[in-house]
PDB file of N, CA and C in Angstrom:
ATOM      1  N   MET A   1       7.533  17.337 -11.417  1.00  0.00           N
ATOM      2  CA  MET A   1       6.193  16.886 -11.102  1.00  0.00           C
ATOM      3  C   MET A   1       6.281  15.741 -10.090  1.00  0.00           C
ATOM      4  N   SER A   2       5.502  15.822  -9.038  1.00  0.00           N
ATOM      5  CA  SER A   2       5.524  14.769  -8.023  1.00  0.00           C
ATOM      6  C   SER A   2       4.684  13.582  -8.485  1.00  0.00           C
ATOM      7  N   TRP A   3       4.927  12.447  -7.860  1.00  0.00           N
ATOM      8  CA  TRP A   3       4.160  11.260  -8.244  1.00  0.00           C
ATOM      9  C   TRP A   3       2.675  11.449  -7.975  1.00  0.00           C
ATOM     10  N   GLN A   4       2.334  12.218  -6.941  1.00  0.00           N
ATOM     11  CA  GLN A   4       0.919  12.452  -6.623  1.00  0.00           C
ATOM     12  C   GLN A   4       0.197  13.165  -7.762  1.00  0.00           C
ATOM     13  N   GLU A   5       0.900  14.025  -8.477  1.00  0.00           N
ATOM     14  CA  GLU A   5       0.286  14.751  -9.589  1.00  0.00           C
ATOM     15  C   GLU A   5       0.009  13.842 -10.786  1.00  0.00           C
ATOM     16  N   GLN A   6       0.637  12.669 -10.806  1.00  0.00           N
ATOM     17  CA  GLN A   6       0.437  11.703 -11.883  1.00  0.00           C
ATOM     18  C   GLN A   6      -0.550  10.603 -11.497  1.00  0.00           C
ATOM     19  N   ALA A   7      -0.995  10.601 -10.260  1.00  0.00           N
ATOM     20  CA  ALA A   7      -1.832   9.519  -9.741  1.00  0.00           C
ATOM     21  C   ALA A   7      -3.232   9.516 -10.351  1.00  0.00           C
ATOM     22  N   ALA A   8      -3.732   8.324 -10.619  1.00  0.00           N
ATOM     23  CA  ALA A   8      -5.077   8.175 -11.174  1.00  0.00           C
ATOM     24  C   ALA A   8      -6.142   8.661 -10.201  1.00  0.00           C
ATOM     25  N   CYS A   9      -5.847   8.661  -8.924  1.00  0.00           N
ATOM     26  CA  CYS A   9      -6.830   9.054  -7.911  1.00  0.00           C
ATOM     27  C   CYS A   9      -6.935  10.561  -7.719  1.00  0.00           C
ATOM     28  N   ARG A  10      -6.066  11.320  -8.329  1.00  0.00           N
ATOM     29  CA  ARG A  10      -6.008  12.760  -8.062  1.00  0.00           C
ATOM     30  C   ARG A  10      -7.312  13.484  -8.356  1.00  0.00           C
ATOM     31  N   THR A  11      -8.133  12.938  -9.235  1.00  0.00           N
ATOM     32  CA  THR A  11      -9.398  13.597  -9.561  1.00  0.00           C
ATOM     33  C   THR A  11     -10.603  12.884  -8.943  1.00  0.00           C
ATOM     34  N   GLU A  12     -10.331  11.891  -8.106  1.00  0.00           N
ATOM     35  CA  GLU A  12     -11.406  11.128  -7.456  1.00  0.00           C
ATOM     36  C   GLU A  12     -11.699  11.716  -6.075  1.00  0.00           C
ATOM     37  N   ASP A  13     -12.842  11.354  -5.536  1.00  0.00           N
ATOM     38  CA  ASP A  13     -13.216  11.760  -4.183  1.00  0.00           C
ATOM     39  C   ASP A  13     -12.305  11.038  -3.195  1.00  0.00           C
ATOM     40  N   PRO A  14     -11.528  11.755  -2.393  1.00  0.00           N
ATOM     41  CA  PRO A  14     -10.616  11.114  -1.443  1.00  0.00           C
ATOM     42  C   PRO A  14     -11.312  10.148  -0.481  1.00  0.00           C
ATOM     43  N   GLU A  15     -12.577  10.418  -0.168  1.00  0.00           N
ATOM     44  CA  GLU A  15     -13.324   9.550   0.752  1.00  0.00           C
ATOM     45  C   GLU A  15     -13.399   8.112   0.238  1.00  0.00           C
ATOM     46  N   LEU A  16     -13.359   7.943  -1.075  1.00  0.00           N
ATOM     47  CA  LEU A  16     -13.415   6.615  -1.663  1.00  0.00           C
ATOM     48  C   LEU A  16     -12.289   5.727  -1.156  1.00  0.00           C
ATOM     49  N   PHE A  17     -11.135   6.318  -0.895  1.00  0.00           N
ATOM     50  CA  PHE A  17      -9.944   5.564  -0.510  1.00  0.00           C
ATOM     51  C   PHE A  17      -9.825   5.349   0.995  1.00  0.00           C
ATOM     52  N   PHE A  18     -10.821   5.815   1.729  1.00  0.00           N
ATOM     53  CA  PHE A  18     -10.830   5.668   3.181  1.00  0.00           C
ATOM     54  C   PHE A  18     -12.182   5.134   3.650  1.00  0.00           C
ATOM     55  N   PRO A  19     -12.477   3.878   3.298  1.00  0.00           N
ATOM     56  CA  PRO A  19     -13.772   3.305   3.683  1.00  0.00           C
ATOM     57  C   PRO A  19     -13.877   3.139   5.194  1.00  0.00           C
ATOM     58  N   VAL A  20     -15.100   3.236   5.679  1.00  0.00           N
ATOM     59  CA  VAL A  20     -15.365   3.042   7.100  1.00  0.00           C
ATOM     60  C   VAL A  20     -15.992   1.671   7.255  1.00  0.00           C
ATOM     61  N   GLY A  21     -15.351   0.808   8.033  1.00  0.00           N
ATOM     62  CA  GLY A  21     -15.850  -0.544   8.228  1.00  0.00           C
ATOM     63  C   GLY A  21     -15.159  -1.534   7.325  1.00  0.00           C
ATOM     64  N   GLN A  22     -15.631  -2.785   7.405  1.00  0.00           N
ATOM     65  CA  GLN A  22     -14.992  -3.834   6.613  1.00  0.00           C
ATOM     66  C   GLN A  22     -15.997  -4.778   5.972  1.00  0.00           C
ATOM     67  N   SER A  23     -17.229  -4.318   5.791  1.00  0.00           N
ATOM     68  CA  SER A  23     -18.220  -5.160   5.137  1.00  0.00           C
ATOM     69  C   SER A  23     -19.167  -4.289   4.329  1.00  0.00           C
ATOM     70  N   GLY A  24     -20.024  -4.933   3.556  1.00  0.00           N
ATOM     71  CA  GLY A  24     -21.042  -4.224   2.800  1.00  0.00           C
ATOM     72  C   GLY A  24     -20.501  -3.140   1.903  1.00  0.00           C
ATOM     73  N   SER A  25     -20.955  -1.918   2.116  1.00  0.00           N
ATOM     74  CA  SER A  25     -20.573  -0.808   1.247  1.00  0.00           C
ATOM     75  C   SER A  25     -19.078  -0.493   1.340  1.00  0.00           C
ATOM     76  N   ALA A  26     -18.465  -0.767   2.486  1.00  0.00           N
ATOM     77  CA  ALA A  26     -17.020  -0.535   2.616  1.00  0.00           C
ATOM     78  C   ALA A  26     -16.250  -1.450   1.668  1.00  0.00           C
ATOM     79  N   ASN A  27     -16.691  -2.692   1.535  1.00  0.00           N
ATOM     80  CA  ASN A  27     -16.029  -3.619   0.601  1.00  0.00           C
ATOM     81  C   ASN A  27     -16.173  -3.139  -0.839  1.00  0.00           C
ATOM     82  N   LEU A  28     -17.341  -2.624  -1.174  1.00  0.00           N
ATOM     83  CA  LEU A  28     -17.548  -2.085  -2.518  1.00  0.00           C
ATOM     84  C   LEU A  28     -16.650  -0.879  -2.762  1.00  0.00           C
ATOM     85  N   GLN A  29     -16.485  -0.070  -1.741  1.00  0.00           N
ATOM     86  CA  GLN A  29     -15.627   1.108  -1.825  1.00  0.00           C
ATOM     87  C   GLN A  29     -14.177   0.691  -2.048  1.00  0.00           C
ATOM     88  N   VAL A  30     -13.723  -0.308  -1.311  1.00  0.00           N
ATOM     89  CA  VAL A  30     -12.348  -0.809  -1.469  1.00  0.00           C
ATOM     90  C   VAL A  30     -12.154  -1.337  -2.884  1.00  0.00           C
ATOM     91  N   GLN A  31     -13.127  -2.092  -3.364  1.00  0.00           N
ATOM     92  CA  GLN A  31     -13.040  -2.646  -4.717  1.00  0.00           C
ATOM     93  C   GLN A  31     -12.932  -1.548  -5.762  1.00  0.00           C
ATOM     94  N   ARG A  32     -13.730  -0.506  -5.617  1.00  0.00           N
ATOM     95  CA  ARG A  32     -13.692   0.620  -6.561  1.00  0.00           C
ATOM     96  C   ARG A  32     -12.346   1.349  -6.478  1.00  0.00           C
ATOM     97  N   ALA A  33     -11.863   1.560  -5.281  1.00  0.00           N
ATOM     98  CA  ALA A  33     -10.557   2.215  -5.108  1.00  0.00           C
ATOM     99  C   ALA A  33      -9.452   1.393  -5.767  1.00  0.00           C
ATOM    100  N   LYS A  34      -9.507   0.078  -5.569  1.00  0.00           N
ATOM    101  CA  LYS A  34      -8.489  -0.799  -6.169  1.00  0.00           C
ATOM    102  C   LYS A  34      -8.569  -0.788  -7.691  1.00  0.00           C
ATOM    103  N   GLU A  35      -9.768  -0.645  -8.243  1.00  0.00           N
ATOM    104  CA  GLU A  35      -9.918  -0.549  -9.703  1.00  0.00           C
ATOM    105  C   GLU A  35      -9.205   0.698 -10.222  1.00  0.00           C
ATOM    106  N   ILE A  36      -9.321   1.783  -9.495  1.00  0.00           N
ATOM    107  CA  ILE A  36      -8.637   3.021  -9.881  1.00  0.00           C
ATOM    108  C   ILE A  36      -7.127   2.830  -9.764  1.00  0.00           C
ATOM    109  N   CYS A  37      -6.694   2.217  -8.680  1.00  0.00           N
ATOM    110  CA  CYS A  37      -5.267   1.965  -8.479  1.00  0.00           C
ATOM    111  C   CYS A  37      -4.693   1.069  -9.581  1.00  0.00           C
ATOM    112  N   ALA A  38      -5.491   0.111 -10.038  1.00  0.00           N
ATOM    113  CA  ALA A  38      -5.015  -0.847 -11.045  1.00  0.00           C
ATOM    114  C   ALA A  38      -4.602  -0.153 -12.341  1.00  0.00           C
ATOM    115  N   ARG A  39      -5.212   0.978 -12.645  1.00  0.00           N
ATOM    116  CA  ARG A  39      -4.872   1.692 -13.889  1.00  0.00           C
ATOM    117  C   ARG A  39      -3.921   2.871 -13.633  1.00  0.00           C
ATOM    118  N   CYS A  40      -3.403   2.967 -12.429  1.00  0.00           N
ATOM    119  CA  CYS A  40      -2.577   4.106 -12.052  1.00  0.00           C
ATOM    120  C   CYS A  40      -1.126   3.929 -12.496  1.00  0.00           C
ATOM    121  N   PRO A  41      -0.552   4.945 -13.148  1.00  0.00           N
ATOM    122  CA  PRO A  41       0.837   4.836 -13.597  1.00  0.00           C
ATOM    123  C   PRO A  41       1.865   4.911 -12.459  1.00  0.00           C
ATOM    124  N   VAL A  42       1.447   5.359 -11.293  1.00  0.00           N
ATOM    125  CA  VAL A  42       2.390   5.488 -10.176  1.00  0.00           C
ATOM    126  C   VAL A  42       1.994   4.580  -8.997  1.00  0.00           C
ATOM    127  N   LYS A  43       1.298   3.508  -9.284  1.00  0.00           N
ATOM    128  CA  LYS A  43       0.809   2.595  -8.244  1.00  0.00           C
ATOM    129  C   LYS A  43       1.946   2.082  -7.356  1.00  0.00           C
ATOM    130  N   GLN A  44       3.039   1.649  -7.947  1.00  0.00           N
ATOM    131  CA  GLN A  44       4.158   1.108  -7.162  1.00  0.00           C
ATOM    132  C   GLN A  44       4.803   2.180  -6.288  1.00  0.00           C
ATOM    133  N   THR A  45       4.930   3.370  -6.813  1.00  0.00           N
ATOM    134  CA  THR A  45       5.502   4.472  -6.045  1.00  0.00           C
ATOM    135  C   THR A  45       4.601   4.805  -4.861  1.00  0.00           C
ATOM    136  N   CYS A  46       3.308   4.815  -5.108  1.00  0.00           N
ATOM    137  CA  CYS A  46       2.330   5.086  -4.052  1.00  0.00           C
ATOM    138  C   CYS A  46       2.432   4.021  -2.955  1.00  0.00           C
ATOM    139  N   LEU A  47       2.490   2.764  -3.362  1.00  0.00           N
ATOM    140  CA  LEU A  47       2.608   1.678  -2.392  1.00  0.00           C
ATOM    141  C   LEU A  47       3.909   1.790  -1.605  1.00  0.00           C
ATOM    142  N   SER A  48       5.001   2.045  -2.281  1.00  0.00           N
ATOM    143  CA  SER A  48       6.289   2.192  -1.595  1.00  0.00           C
ATOM    144  C   SER A  48       6.244   3.333  -0.591  1.00  0.00           C
ATOM    145  N   ASP A  49       5.648   4.438  -0.982  1.00  0.00           N
ATOM    146  CA  ASP A  49       5.535   5.578  -0.082  1.00  0.00           C
ATOM    147  C   ASP A  49       4.691   5.216   1.140  1.00  0.00           C
ATOM    148  N   ALA A  50       3.594   4.513   0.916  1.00  0.00           N
ATOM    149  CA  ALA A  50       2.729   4.103   2.031  1.00  0.00           C
ATOM    150  C   ALA A  50       3.469   3.160   2.976  1.00  0.00           C
ATOM    151  N   LEU A  51       4.249   2.247   2.426  1.00  0.00           N
ATOM    152  CA  LEU A  51       5.015   1.317   3.273  1.00  0.00           C
ATOM    153  C   LEU A  51       6.121   2.041   4.032  1.00  0.00           C
ATOM    154  N   ASP A  52       6.798   2.958   3.366  1.00  0.00           N
ATOM    155  CA  ASP A  52       7.887   3.702   3.997  1.00  0.00           C
ATOM    156  C   ASP A  52       7.394   4.632   5.092  1.00  0.00           C
ATOM    157  N   SER A  53       6.216   5.221   4.888  1.00  0.00           N
ATOM    158  CA  SER A  53       5.707   6.176   5.858  1.00  0.00           C
ATOM    159  C   SER A  53       4.775   5.527   6.873  1.00  0.00           C
ATOM    160  N   ALA A  54       4.613   4.227   6.780  1.00  0.00           N
ATOM    161  CA  ALA A  54       3.745   3.462   7.687  1.00  0.00           C
ATOM    162  C   ALA A  54       2.310   3.983   7.664  1.00  0.00           C
ATOM    163  N   ASN A  55       1.848   4.363   6.476  1.00  0.00           N
ATOM    164  CA  ASN A  55       0.452   4.761   6.330  1.00  0.00           C
ATOM    165  C   ASN A  55      -0.414   3.569   6.705  1.00  0.00           C
ATOM    166  N   THR A  56      -1.255   3.729   7.685  1.00  0.00           N
ATOM    167  CA  THR A  56      -2.027   2.595   8.153  1.00  0.00           C
ATOM    168  C   THR A  56      -3.483   2.637   7.748  1.00  0.00           C
ATOM    169  N   SER A  57      -3.971   3.755   7.277  1.00  0.00           N
ATOM    170  CA  SER A  57      -5.389   3.806   6.930  1.00  0.00           C
ATOM    171  C   SER A  57      -5.580   4.024   5.441  1.00  0.00           C
ATOM    172  N   GLY A  58      -6.661   3.481   4.935  1.00  0.00           N
ATOM    173  CA  GLY A  58      -7.031   3.698   3.549  1.00  0.00           C
ATOM    174  C   GLY A  58      -6.398   2.754   2.559  1.00  0.00           C
ATOM    175  N   VAL A  59      -6.739   2.969   1.300  1.00  0.00           N
ATOM    176  CA  VAL A  59      -6.200   2.193   0.186  1.00  0.00           C
ATOM    177  C   VAL A  59      -5.089   3.015  -0.450  1.00  0.00           C
ATOM    178  N   TRP A  60      -3.911   2.432  -0.507  1.00  0.00           N
ATOM    179  CA  TRP A  60      -2.733   3.076  -1.098  1.00  0.00           C
ATOM    180  C   TRP A  60      -2.056   2.062  -2.010  1.00  0.00           C
ATOM    181  N   GLY A  61      -1.717   2.478  -3.222  1.00  0.00           N
ATOM    182  CA  GLY A  61      -1.015   1.582  -4.133  1.00  0.00           C
ATOM    183  C   GLY A  61      -1.768   0.283  -4.383  1.00  0.00           C
ATOM    184  N   GLY A  62      -3.081   0.345  -4.321  1.00  0.00           N
ATOM    185  CA  GLY A  62      -3.898  -0.827  -4.585  1.00  0.00           C
ATOM    186  C   GLY A  62      -3.957  -1.827  -3.449  1.00  0.00           C
ATOM    187  N   THR A  63      -3.569  -1.405  -2.245  1.00  0.00           N
ATOM    188  CA  THR A  63      -3.580  -2.313  -1.100  1.00  0.00           C
ATOM    189  C   THR A  63      -4.379  -1.728   0.057  1.00  0.00           C
ATOM    190  N   THR A  64      -4.956  -2.617   0.834  1.00  0.00           N
ATOM    191  CA  THR A  64      -5.677  -2.218   2.039  1.00  0.00           C
ATOM    192  C   THR A  64      -4.712  -2.168   3.214  1.00  0.00           C
ATOM    193  N   GLU A  65      -5.218  -1.715   4.328  1.00  0.00           N
ATOM    194  CA  GLU A  65      -4.414  -1.662   5.557  1.00  0.00           C
ATOM    195  C   GLU A  65      -3.856  -3.046   5.898  1.00  0.00           C
ATOM    196  N   GLU A  66      -4.723  -4.055   5.865  1.00  0.00           N
ATOM    197  CA  GLU A  66      -4.308  -5.415   6.209  1.00  0.00           C
ATOM    198  C   GLU A  66      -3.283  -5.951   5.211  1.00  0.00           C
ATOM    199  N   GLU A  67      -3.471  -5.670   3.953  1.00  0.00           N
ATOM    200  CA  GLU A  67      -2.512  -6.127   2.942  1.00  0.00           C
ATOM    201  C   GLU A  67      -1.141  -5.493   3.157  1.00  0.00           C
ATOM    202  N   ARG A  68      -1.119  -4.218   3.540  1.00  0.00           N
ATOM    203  CA  ARG A  68       0.180  -3.575   3.812  1.00  0.00           C
ATOM    204  C   ARG A  68       0.828  -4.131   5.069  1.00  0.00           C
ATOM    205  N   ARG A  69       0.028  -4.470   6.076  1.00  0.00           N
ATOM    206  CA  ARG A  69       0.598  -5.105   7.283  1.00  0.00           C
ATOM    207  C   ARG A  69       1.264  -6.422   6.913  1.00  0.00           C
ATOM    208  N   THR A  70       0.620  -7.187   6.043  1.00  0.00           N
ATOM    209  CA  THR A  70       1.186  -8.461   5.591  1.00  0.00           C
ATOM    210  C   THR A  70       2.495  -8.226   4.845  1.00  0.00           C
ATOM    211  N   ILE A  71       2.514  -7.241   3.970  1.00  0.00           N
ATOM    212  CA  ILE A  71       3.740  -6.916   3.228  1.00  0.00           C
ATOM    213  C   ILE A  71       4.845  -6.520   4.197  1.00  0.00           C
ATOM    214  N   ARG A  72       4.520  -5.702   5.192  1.00  0.00           N
ATOM    215  CA  ARG A  72       5.540  -5.272   6.169  1.00  0.00           C
ATOM    216  C   ARG A  72       6.083  -6.461   6.950  1.00  0.00           C
ATOM    217  N   ARG A  73       5.194  -7.377   7.340  1.00  0.00           N
ATOM    218  CA  ARG A  73       5.655  -8.561   8.082  1.00  0.00           C
ATOM    219  C   ARG A  73       6.585  -9.403   7.220  1.00  0.00           C
ATOM    220  N   ARG A  74       6.191  -9.629   5.978  1.00  0.00           N
ATOM    221  CA  ARG A  74       7.043 -10.420   5.071  1.00  0.00           C
ATOM    222  C   ARG A  74       8.372  -9.741   4.838  1.00  0.00           C
ATOM    223  N   THR A  75       8.325  -8.444   4.583  1.00  0.00           N
ATOM    224  CA  THR A  75       9.549  -7.684   4.333  1.00  0.00           C
ATOM    225  C   THR A  75      10.449  -7.700   5.561  1.00  0.00           C
ATOM    226  N   GLY A  76       9.858  -7.541   6.734  1.00  0.00           N
ATOM    227  CA  GLY A  76      10.629  -7.586   7.972  1.00  0.00           C
ATOM    228  C   GLY A  76      11.289  -8.924   8.174  1.00  0.00           C
ATOM    229  N   ARG A  77      10.579  -9.993   7.876  1.00  0.00           N
ATOM    230  CA  ARG A  77      11.160 -11.326   8.009  1.00  0.00           C
ATOM    231  C   ARG A  77      12.294 -11.515   7.034  1.00  0.00           C
ATOM    232  N   ARG A  78      12.133 -11.043   5.797  1.00  0.00           N
ATOM    233  CA  ARG A  78      13.209 -11.175   4.813  1.00  0.00           C
ATOM    234  C   ARG A  78      14.434 -10.397   5.240  1.00  0.00           C
ATOM    235  N   ARG A  79      14.223  -9.192   5.740  1.00  0.00           N
ATOM    236  CA  ARG A  79      15.353  -8.376   6.190  1.00  0.00           C
ATOM    237  C   ARG A  79      16.048  -9.033   7.373  1.00  0.00           C
ATOM    238  N   SER A  80      15.267  -9.574   8.307  1.00  0.00           N
ATOM    239  CA  SER A  80      15.843 -10.244   9.465  1.00  0.00           C
ATOM    240  C   SER A  80      16.633 -11.469   9.042  1.00  0.00           C
ATOM    241  N   ALA A  81      16.086 -12.243   8.115  1.00  0.00           N
ATOM    242  CA  ALA A  81      16.771 -13.447   7.636  1.00  0.00           C
ATOM    243  C   ALA A  81      18.057 -13.076   6.913  1.00  0.00           C
ATOM    244  N   ALA A  82      18.009 -12.025   6.096  1.00  0.00           N
ATOM    245  CA  ALA A  82      19.199 -11.589   5.374  1.00  0.00           C
ATOM    246  C   ALA A  82      20.264 -11.088   6.342  1.00  0.00           C
ATOM    247  N   ALA A  83      19.854 -10.344   7.360  1.00  0.00           N
ATOM    248  CA  ALA A  83      20.803  -9.839   8.351  1.00  0.00           C
ATOM    249  C   ALA A  83      21.424 -10.995   9.126  1.00  0.00           C
ATOM    250  N   GLY A  84      20.619 -11.973   9.485  1.00  0.00           N
ATOM    251  CA  GLY A  84      21.137 -13.149  10.207  1.00  0.00           C
ATOM    252  C   GLY A  84      22.122 -13.933   9.358  1.00  0.00           C
ATOM    253  N   GLN A  85      21.818 -14.096   8.075  1.00  0.00           N
ATOM    254  CA  GLN A  85      22.717 -14.819   7.171  1.00  0.00           C
ATOM    255  C   GLN A  85      24.026 -14.055   7.012  1.00  0.00           C
ATOM    256  N   ALA A  86      23.939 -12.735   6.894  1.00  0.00           N
ATOM    257  CA  ALA A  86      25.153 -11.921   6.740  1.00  0.00           C
ATOM    258  C   ALA A  86      26.048 -12.050   7.969  1.00  0.00           C
ATOM    259  N   SER A  87      25.457 -12.070   9.151  1.00  0.00           N
ATOM    260  CA  SER A  87      26.284 -12.184  10.351  1.00  0.00           C
ATOM    261  C   SER A  87      26.878 -13.583  10.452  1.00  0.00           C
ATOM    262  N   ARG A  88      26.158 -14.609  10.013  1.00  0.00           N
ATOM    263  CA  ARG A  88      26.711 -15.979  10.018  1.00  0.00           C
ATOM    264  C   ARG A  88      27.828 -16.118   9.011  1.00  0.00           C
ATOM    265  N   ASP A  89      27.721 -15.359   7.904  1.00  0.00           N
ATOM    266  CA  ASP A  89      28.739 -15.429   6.857  1.00  0.00           C
ATOM    267  C   ASP A  89      29.934 -14.521   7.166  1.00  0.00           C
ATOM    268  N   GLY A  90      29.836 -13.796   8.254  1.00  0.00           N
ATOM    269  CA  GLY A  90      30.922 -12.902   8.641  1.00  0.00           C
ATOM    270  C   GLY A  90      30.828 -11.535   8.000  1.00  0.00           C
ATOM    271  N   GLY A  91      29.657 -11.189   7.503  1.00  0.00           N
ATOM    272  CA  GLY A  91      29.494  -9.925   6.780  1.00  0.00           C
ATOM    273  C   GLY A  91      28.759  -8.979   7.556  1.00  0.00           C
TER     274      GLY A  91
END
């Protein structure tokens, strides 16, 4: 069974997870999508998949597009710092 088959969103309207805009009803849509994600047994897997595949639109793993960009920036900085430290340490 794939993680998608276990997802809490599998029986929801997919449009809910792809709001148009960033104010008013779109914010309510994001909030509702995140509520569904919060109770999802595969939320972390969904988020990891979205980060790995560079999914840029919609709510995935309880995160918005902007939240995933922030995670990618932080992760990239950590990887860069770790790589720099390894080269300084001779590794």
